[in-house]
Amino acid sequence: MSREVRATDEAKQLAEQYEIDLRLIKGTGPDGLITLKDVEEYIKEHFLPKVKRKYRLVGVRKVIARRLGKSYREAIHVTLNTEVRTDEFIKYREVLAKKLGGSKPSYTLMIAKCVAKALKEYPRINATIEGDEVTEYDTVNMNIAVDTPIGLLTPVIREVFRRGINELMRDYADVIERARRGKLKERDIIGGTFTITNLGMFGIDTFTPIINPPQVAILGVNRMVKKVVPTEEGGLEVATVMNLSLTFDHRVIDGAEAARFLSRIKHYIEHPEEVNWFGEGGKREG
């Protein structure tokens, strides 16, 4: 026989937002009553990214941050653009589809996997800033911007680096469908560490995405087009290319570091065989 669950009204309301079975929570209130704090601790454990470290901006960096902050008040937005060849990326989508039994992952989700791998190499960018305190994360939780009837929403796809593309496709399809129907809950939009926004389907070549606070960077994805490009041998060829637009917070990230990070994303899109498509360190034969 299942035990009786007793909880405060506030605890029940918050648990409903996260679809939490209250039987999983041990109450700390009188006679085992589940309190709001008990539910908040459960959410912290199961829905928020694991903290890698926290540090305060000090010295020159703190001075730079305050001066730049004074001139712009919030995030100091700087945007870098780069052109990426996507022919191999497009071909690799077919490779993945065969391994996935015919199901094709979206390009946005594939780019998210490339970004997640790059973020593991540049953890300062997988971070948030509040005041002078910067928090870097071990977990890569990706906000994906979605155009909906009620405006732009950014639901979270969790553990993008650690989990395989097959798992992420199920989560992605579910959250996109619920976003477009206006059925997202609080749990769907909290805990993100980096954001991707894709305007390629609207024929956009380049734009300046706005950082999703308190995150420190956002990647804009543009349309794929065929154009004539130079070869390494000095000739010309037709290739499919796409522009990536990275906006970063200059209080936390310098231009050179952002440029190296963007170049790393470009590398993984142009060399998709190097990405951990089926989980951390995992590969699927096929």
Foldseek 3Di string as FASTA:
>chain_A
DQDDAAEDPLLVVVCVLVVHDSSVWFQPDPPRYNYNVRSVVVCCVPQAFAFPDKDFQDDPLVVVLVVQCVVVVAFNKDKDKDKFFQPVLVVVQVVVCVLVVNDGADPVLLLLLLLVVLCCVVQLQLWFDDDRMIITGPWAWEFEWAQAPVGTATFIQTRSQFAALNVSRVVVVVVNVCVNVVNRGPSRRPRHREYEYEPQVVQDQDDRDDGDPRGFKYKYWHHWDWDWDADPVGHIDITIMIMMMMIGGCSRDPPVSVVVSVVSSSVCSNVVVPGQNHGDVDDGDD
